[in-house]
Amino acid sequence: MSKTSQWFLLESEQDYNLATSRYEEVKNAQKDSPEHKEKMLLVHLISEYENKEWDLPDVDPIETIKIRMEEFGLKAADIAKMHGDKSNLSKVLNYQRALSISLIRQLSATLRIPTDMLIREYNLKS
């Protein structure tokens, strides 16, 4: 979708892919710029599409992450390569450390998990 195109409701996977691609282009836009406003609209449209189309199970955030990793054929090492510290990720996946805001954002984007599914409370192992 070109920079002059208007956005409408996302009704197909193709629309979704165009929106997520454009989001990646404008995600660092300065506040109050036209691109920032477009980014905020895209966040809303993408979220609505994901909530409508994706049938993710109602489980705790860590299990959701593990399910999506399996669906995408990713191992913890693959995620760690993309997002840094393997030790930290291992502790998160083993319920020894809580998800951080930055990791929630990264995993949401990588695994296409709505952030509201990752911010749910869950118990850590003592």
C-alpha atoms as a PDB file:
ATOM      1  CA  MET A   1       0.000   0.000   0.000  1.00  0.00           C
ATOM      2  CA  SER A   2       1.533   3.318  -0.973  1.00  0.00           C
ATOM      3  CA  LYS A   3       2.042   6.150   1.442  1.00  0.00           C
ATOM      4  CA  THR A   4      -0.877   8.046  -0.084  1.00  0.00           C
ATOM      5  CA  SER A   5      -3.332   5.156   0.185  1.00  0.00           C
ATOM      6  CA  GLN A   6      -6.185   5.204   2.627  1.00  0.00           C
ATOM      7  CA  TRP A   7      -6.696   2.407   5.117  1.00  0.00           C
ATOM      8  CA  PHE A   8      -9.925   0.486   5.472  1.00  0.00           C
ATOM      9  CA  LEU A   9     -10.976  -2.479   7.596  1.00  0.00           C
ATOM     10  CA  LEU A  10      -8.661  -5.447   7.119  1.00  0.00           C
ATOM     11  CA  GLU A  11     -10.728  -8.175   5.525  1.00  0.00           C
ATOM     12  CA  SER A  12      -8.132 -10.649   4.274  1.00  0.00           C
ATOM     13  CA  GLU A  13      -4.698 -12.030   5.049  1.00  0.00           C
ATOM     14  CA  GLN A  14      -3.384  -9.922   2.156  1.00  0.00           C
ATOM     15  CA  ASP A  15      -4.809  -6.748   3.747  1.00  0.00           C
ATOM     16  CA  TYR A  16      -3.289  -7.820   7.050  1.00  0.00           C
ATOM     17  CA  ASN A  17       0.137  -8.417   5.489  1.00  0.00           C
ATOM     18  CA  LEU A  18       0.047  -4.998   3.805  1.00  0.00           C
ATOM     19  CA  ALA A  19      -0.879  -3.345   7.096  1.00  0.00           C
ATOM     20  CA  THR A  20       1.828  -5.101   9.098  1.00  0.00           C
ATOM     21  CA  SER A  21       4.428  -4.276   6.426  1.00  0.00           C
ATOM     22  CA  ARG A  22       3.452  -0.633   6.472  1.00  0.00           C
ATOM     23  CA  TYR A  23       3.462  -0.627  10.264  1.00  0.00           C
ATOM     24  CA  GLU A  24       7.089  -1.807  10.191  1.00  0.00           C
ATOM     25  CA  GLU A  25       7.902   1.182   7.952  1.00  0.00           C
ATOM     26  CA  VAL A  26       6.265   3.769  10.226  1.00  0.00           C
ATOM     27  CA  LYS A  27       6.673   2.244  13.689  1.00  0.00           C
ATOM     28  CA  ASN A  28       9.353   4.766  14.691  1.00  0.00           C
ATOM     29  CA  ALA A  29       7.503   7.822  13.385  1.00  0.00           C
ATOM     30  CA  GLN A  30       7.734  10.998  15.432  1.00  0.00           C
ATOM     31  CA  LYS A  31       4.728  11.798  17.580  1.00  0.00           C
ATOM     32  CA  ASP A  32       2.184  14.148  15.979  1.00  0.00           C
ATOM     33  CA  SER A  33       3.488  13.406  12.478  1.00  0.00           C
ATOM     34  CA  PRO A  34       1.130  12.060   9.785  1.00  0.00           C
ATOM     35  CA  GLU A  35       3.061   8.775   9.909  1.00  0.00           C
ATOM     36  CA  HIS A  36       2.500   8.534  13.669  1.00  0.00           C
ATOM     37  CA  LYS A  37      -1.238   8.967  13.166  1.00  0.00           C
ATOM     38  CA  GLU A  38      -1.128   6.322  10.441  1.00  0.00           C
ATOM     39  CA  LYS A  39       0.806   4.016  12.798  1.00  0.00           C
ATOM     40  CA  MET A  40      -1.843   4.390  15.492  1.00  0.00           C
ATOM     41  CA  LEU A  41      -4.590   3.583  12.988  1.00  0.00           C
ATOM     42  CA  LEU A  42      -2.652   0.548  11.784  1.00  0.00           C
ATOM     43  CA  VAL A  43      -2.220  -0.706  15.351  1.00  0.00           C
ATOM     44  CA  HIS A  44      -5.979  -0.559  15.793  1.00  0.00           C
ATOM     45  CA  LEU A  45      -6.757  -2.224  12.454  1.00  0.00           C
ATOM     46  CA  ILE A  46      -4.179  -4.961  12.981  1.00  0.00           C
ATOM     47  CA  SER A  47      -5.389  -5.656  16.509  1.00  0.00           C
ATOM     48  CA  GLU A  48      -9.009  -5.881  15.397  1.00  0.00           C
ATOM     49  CA  TYR A  49      -8.109  -8.282  12.581  1.00  0.00           C
ATOM     50  CA  GLU A  50      -6.025 -10.478  14.894  1.00  0.00           C
ATOM     51  CA  ASN A  51      -8.763 -10.635  17.514  1.00  0.00           C
ATOM     52  CA  LYS A  52     -11.346 -11.542  14.876  1.00  0.00           C
ATOM     53  CA  GLU A  53      -9.300 -14.027  12.836  1.00  0.00           C
ATOM     54  CA  TRP A  54      -6.959 -15.770  15.201  1.00  0.00           C
ATOM     55  CA  ASP A  55      -8.369 -18.429  17.438  1.00  0.00           C
ATOM     56  CA  LEU A  56      -5.720 -18.506  20.137  1.00  0.00           C
ATOM     57  CA  PRO A  57      -6.361 -20.708  23.156  1.00  0.00           C
ATOM     58  CA  ASP A  58      -7.231 -19.179  26.513  1.00  0.00           C
ATOM     59  CA  VAL A  59      -4.087 -20.164  28.391  1.00  0.00           C
ATOM     60  CA  ASP A  60      -1.479 -18.321  30.394  1.00  0.00           C
ATOM     61  CA  PRO A  61       0.985 -16.102  28.480  1.00  0.00           C
ATOM     62  CA  ILE A  62       3.883 -18.550  28.654  1.00  0.00           C
ATOM     63  CA  GLU A  63       1.842 -21.433  27.251  1.00  0.00           C
ATOM     64  CA  THR A  64       0.545 -19.104  24.537  1.00  0.00           C
ATOM     65  CA  ILE A  65       4.144 -18.258  23.606  1.00  0.00           C
ATOM     66  CA  LYS A  66       5.112 -21.932  23.535  1.00  0.00           C
ATOM     67  CA  ILE A  67       2.112 -22.832  21.360  1.00  0.00           C
ATOM     68  CA  ARG A  68       2.891 -20.065  18.869  1.00  0.00           C
ATOM     69  CA  MET A  69       6.584 -20.999  18.796  1.00  0.00           C
ATOM     70  CA  GLU A  70       5.575 -24.548  17.897  1.00  0.00           C
ATOM     71  CA  GLU A  71       3.143 -23.327  15.231  1.00  0.00           C
ATOM     72  CA  PHE A  72       5.899 -21.198  13.654  1.00  0.00           C
ATOM     73  CA  GLY A  73       8.483 -23.972  14.031  1.00  0.00           C
ATOM     74  CA  LEU A  74      10.661 -21.861  16.322  1.00  0.00           C
ATOM     75  CA  LYS A  75      12.818 -22.958  19.215  1.00  0.00           C
ATOM     76  CA  ALA A  76      13.820 -20.828  22.204  1.00  0.00           C
ATOM     77  CA  ALA A  77      17.259 -20.415  20.606  1.00  0.00           C
ATOM     78  CA  ASP A  78      15.622 -18.924  17.485  1.00  0.00           C
ATOM     79  CA  ILE A  79      13.704 -16.400  19.566  1.00  0.00           C
ATOM     80  CA  ALA A  80      16.817 -15.593  21.608  1.00  0.00           C
ATOM     81  CA  LYS A  81      18.767 -14.858  18.403  1.00  0.00           C
ATOM     82  CA  MET A  82      16.090 -12.348  17.393  1.00  0.00           C
ATOM     83  CA  HIS A  83      15.586 -10.757  20.792  1.00  0.00           C
ATOM     84  CA  GLY A  84      18.802 -11.165  22.734  1.00  0.00           C
ATOM     85  CA  ASP A  85      19.490 -12.880  26.022  1.00  0.00           C
ATOM     86  CA  LYS A  86      18.941 -16.662  25.833  1.00  0.00           C
ATOM     87  CA  SER A  87      19.279 -17.039  29.611  1.00  0.00           C
ATOM     88  CA  ASN A  88      16.535 -14.480  30.260  1.00  0.00           C
ATOM     89  CA  LEU A  89      14.209 -16.091  27.720  1.00  0.00           C
ATOM     90  CA  SER A  90      14.837 -19.514  29.226  1.00  0.00           C
ATOM     91  CA  LYS A  91      13.907 -18.208  32.679  1.00  0.00           C
ATOM     92  CA  VAL A  92      10.717 -16.660  31.279  1.00  0.00           C
ATOM     93  CA  LEU A  93       9.718 -19.858  29.469  1.00  0.00           C
ATOM     94  CA  ASN A  94      10.347 -21.878  32.638  1.00  0.00           C
ATOM     95  CA  TYR A  95       8.207 -19.565  34.815  1.00  0.00           C
ATOM     96  CA  GLN A  96      11.230 -18.313  36.750  1.00  0.00           C
ATOM     97  CA  ARG A  97      11.066 -14.697  35.543  1.00  0.00           C
ATOM     98  CA  ALA A  98       8.124 -12.529  34.526  1.00  0.00           C
ATOM     99  CA  LEU A  99       7.738 -11.175  31.014  1.00  0.00           C
ATOM    100  CA  SER A 100       9.075  -7.628  30.625  1.00  0.00           C
ATOM    101  CA  ILE A 101       7.233  -4.982  28.634  1.00  0.00           C
ATOM    102  CA  SER A 102       9.939  -4.958  25.956  1.00  0.00           C
ATOM    103  CA  LEU A 103       9.858  -8.760  25.629  1.00  0.00           C
ATOM    104  CA  ILE A 104       6.054  -8.687  25.429  1.00  0.00           C
ATOM    105  CA  ARG A 105       6.287  -6.213  22.549  1.00  0.00           C
ATOM    106  CA  GLN A 106       8.945  -8.257  20.764  1.00  0.00           C
ATOM    107  CA  LEU A 107       7.154 -11.578  21.172  1.00  0.00           C
ATOM    108  CA  SER A 108       3.847 -10.037  20.145  1.00  0.00           C
ATOM    109  CA  ALA A 109       5.375  -8.871  16.874  1.00  0.00           C
ATOM    110  CA  THR A 110       7.406 -12.013  16.203  1.00  0.00           C
ATOM    111  CA  LEU A 111       4.763 -14.570  17.137  1.00  0.00           C
ATOM    112  CA  ARG A 112       1.717 -12.491  16.189  1.00  0.00           C
ATOM    113  CA  ILE A 113       0.195 -12.704  19.621  1.00  0.00           C
ATOM    114  CA  PRO A 114      -2.040  -9.820  20.707  1.00  0.00           C
ATOM    115  CA  THR A 115      -0.337  -8.023  23.594  1.00  0.00           C
ATOM    116  CA  ASP A 116      -3.422  -8.331  25.784  1.00  0.00           C
ATOM    117  CA  MET A 117      -2.842 -12.111  25.819  1.00  0.00           C
ATOM    118  CA  LEU A 118       0.722 -11.599  27.041  1.00  0.00           C
ATOM    119  CA  ILE A 119      -0.021  -9.156  29.849  1.00  0.00           C
ATOM    120  CA  ARG A 120      -2.309 -11.546  31.716  1.00  0.00           C
ATOM    121  CA  GLU A 121      -1.248 -12.531  35.186  1.00  0.00           C
ATOM    122  CA  TYR A 122       0.344 -15.915  35.715  1.00  0.00           C
ATOM    123  CA  ASN A 123       2.204 -17.631  38.539  1.00  0.00           C
ATOM    124  CA  LEU A 124       5.964 -17.923  38.676  1.00  0.00           C
ATOM    125  CA  LYS A 125       7.682 -20.951  40.164  1.00  0.00           C
ATOM    126  CA  SER A 126       9.305 -20.255  43.504  1.00  0.00           C
END
